[in-house]
Amino acid sequence: MRLALGLETTIISLMGVAEILHEIDGLPLSERWKVLEHARHLVEPQIPESFKEAMAEIERGEVVELDEALKELDHAE
């Protein structure tokens, strides 16, 4: 599809998700990280604050494996 905007012509490619993912897969690793970071900023306002807090706890190593937590609960009783 071509759009004429003033003196410039812009070509717009209509792609599906599979095609977009295929294109991203073909990028060098550094470019893929840029795409990921940009996508994160696009959806960040929709991510619940509780999820963000939990991810920060995981990053800081402040989590316990579920199996370990269940074992601790069993021994506490």
C-alpha atoms as a PDB file:
ATOM      1  CA  MET A   1       0.000   0.000   0.000  1.00  0.00           C
ATOM      2  CA  ARG A   2       1.332   3.457  -0.792  1.00  0.00           C
ATOM      3  CA  LEU A   3       0.270   6.666   0.860  1.00  0.00           C
ATOM      4  CA  ALA A   4       0.993  10.051  -0.606  1.00  0.00           C
ATOM      5  CA  LEU A   5       1.784  12.501   2.163  1.00  0.00           C
ATOM      6  CA  GLY A   6       2.664  15.864   0.689  1.00  0.00           C
ATOM      7  CA  LEU A   7       5.588  15.354  -1.664  1.00  0.00           C
ATOM      8  CA  GLU A   8       6.660  12.089  -0.067  1.00  0.00           C
ATOM      9  CA  THR A   9       5.305   8.623  -0.722  1.00  0.00           C
ATOM     10  CA  THR A  10       5.283   6.194   2.175  1.00  0.00           C
ATOM     11  CA  ILE A  11       5.076   2.446   1.671  1.00  0.00           C
ATOM     12  CA  ILE A  12       3.122   0.604   4.336  1.00  0.00           C
ATOM     13  CA  SER A  13       3.475  -3.133   4.592  1.00  0.00           C
ATOM     14  CA  LEU A  14       0.595  -4.946   6.243  1.00  0.00           C
ATOM     15  CA  MET A  15       2.077  -7.892   8.119  1.00  0.00           C
ATOM     16  CA  GLY A  16       0.662 -10.540  10.387  1.00  0.00           C
ATOM     17  CA  VAL A  17       2.131 -11.517  13.740  1.00  0.00           C
ATOM     18  CA  ALA A  18       3.891 -14.580  12.308  1.00  0.00           C
ATOM     19  CA  GLU A  19       5.560 -12.439   9.658  1.00  0.00           C
ATOM     20  CA  ILE A  20       6.621  -9.850  12.215  1.00  0.00           C
ATOM     21  CA  LEU A  21       8.088 -12.532  14.483  1.00  0.00           C
ATOM     22  CA  HIS A  22       9.923 -14.025  11.519  1.00  0.00           C
ATOM     23  CA  GLU A  23      11.422 -10.619  10.725  1.00  0.00           C
ATOM     24  CA  ILE A  24      12.448 -10.106  14.362  1.00  0.00           C
ATOM     25  CA  ASP A  25      14.003 -13.576  14.434  1.00  0.00           C
ATOM     26  CA  GLY A  26      16.179 -12.573  11.487  1.00  0.00           C
ATOM     27  CA  LEU A  27      17.635  -9.553  13.296  1.00  0.00           C
ATOM     28  CA  PRO A  28      21.019  -9.567  15.013  1.00  0.00           C
ATOM     29  CA  LEU A  29      20.765 -10.191  18.762  1.00  0.00           C
ATOM     30  CA  SER A  30      21.425  -6.554  19.685  1.00  0.00           C
ATOM     31  CA  GLU A  31      18.600  -5.408  17.423  1.00  0.00           C
ATOM     32  CA  ARG A  32      16.225  -8.032  18.864  1.00  0.00           C
ATOM     33  CA  TRP A  33      16.895  -6.628  22.343  1.00  0.00           C
ATOM     34  CA  LYS A  34      15.995  -3.148  21.079  1.00  0.00           C
ATOM     35  CA  VAL A  35      12.694  -4.506  19.728  1.00  0.00           C
ATOM     36  CA  LEU A  36      11.999  -6.269  23.026  1.00  0.00           C
ATOM     37  CA  GLU A  37      12.735  -3.140  25.050  1.00  0.00           C
ATOM     38  CA  HIS A  38      10.493  -1.035  22.812  1.00  0.00           C
ATOM     39  CA  ALA A  39       7.667  -3.579  23.042  1.00  0.00           C
ATOM     40  CA  ARG A  40       8.005  -3.604  26.828  1.00  0.00           C
ATOM     41  CA  HIS A  41       7.509   0.155  26.921  1.00  0.00           C
ATOM     42  CA  LEU A  42       4.408  -0.176  24.725  1.00  0.00           C
ATOM     43  CA  VAL A  43       2.680  -2.608  27.075  1.00  0.00           C
ATOM     44  CA  GLU A  44       4.127  -1.462  30.410  1.00  0.00           C
ATOM     45  CA  PRO A  45       1.114   0.716  31.335  1.00  0.00           C
ATOM     46  CA  GLN A  46      -1.065  -2.404  31.085  1.00  0.00           C
ATOM     47  CA  ILE A  47       1.142  -4.527  33.381  1.00  0.00           C
ATOM     48  CA  PRO A  48      -0.274  -4.684  36.930  1.00  0.00           C
ATOM     49  CA  GLU A  49       1.918  -3.089  39.603  1.00  0.00           C
ATOM     50  CA  SER A  50       1.828  -6.309  41.645  1.00  0.00           C
ATOM     51  CA  PHE A  51       3.414  -8.188  38.723  1.00  0.00           C
ATOM     52  CA  LYS A  52       6.153  -5.560  38.403  1.00  0.00           C
ATOM     53  CA  GLU A  53       6.855  -5.829  42.147  1.00  0.00           C
ATOM     54  CA  ALA A  54       7.032  -9.622  41.957  1.00  0.00           C
ATOM     55  CA  MET A  55       9.463  -9.453  39.028  1.00  0.00           C
ATOM     56  CA  ALA A  56      11.665  -7.053  41.018  1.00  0.00           C
ATOM     57  CA  GLU A  57      11.652  -9.492  43.955  1.00  0.00           C
ATOM     58  CA  ILE A  58      12.719 -12.312  41.637  1.00  0.00           C
ATOM     59  CA  GLU A  59      15.478 -10.144  40.206  1.00  0.00           C
ATOM     60  CA  ARG A  60      16.746  -9.384  43.732  1.00  0.00           C
ATOM     61  CA  GLY A  61      16.634 -13.099  44.637  1.00  0.00           C
ATOM     62  CA  GLU A  62      13.942 -12.607  47.276  1.00  0.00           C
ATOM     63  CA  VAL A  63      11.853 -15.620  46.273  1.00  0.00           C
ATOM     64  CA  VAL A  64      11.577 -19.196  47.459  1.00  0.00           C
ATOM     65  CA  GLU A  65      10.919 -22.153  45.176  1.00  0.00           C
ATOM     66  CA  LEU A  66       7.367 -23.431  45.645  1.00  0.00           C
ATOM     67  CA  ASP A  67       8.525 -26.965  46.508  1.00  0.00           C
ATOM     68  CA  GLU A  68      10.865 -25.581  49.171  1.00  0.00           C
ATOM     69  CA  ALA A  69       8.117 -23.398  50.640  1.00  0.00           C
ATOM     70  CA  LEU A  70       5.736 -26.371  50.815  1.00  0.00           C
ATOM     71  CA  LYS A  71       8.396 -28.498  52.544  1.00  0.00           C
ATOM     72  CA  GLU A  72       8.946 -25.712  55.095  1.00  0.00           C
ATOM     73  CA  LEU A  73       5.196 -25.553  55.748  1.00  0.00           C
ATOM     74  CA  ASP A  74       5.027 -29.347  56.198  1.00  0.00           C
ATOM     75  CA  HIS A  75       7.856 -29.274  58.754  1.00  0.00           C
ATOM     76  CA  ALA A  76       6.310 -26.345  60.625  1.00  0.00           C
ATOM     77  CA  GLU A  77       3.123 -28.248  61.409  1.00  0.00           C
END
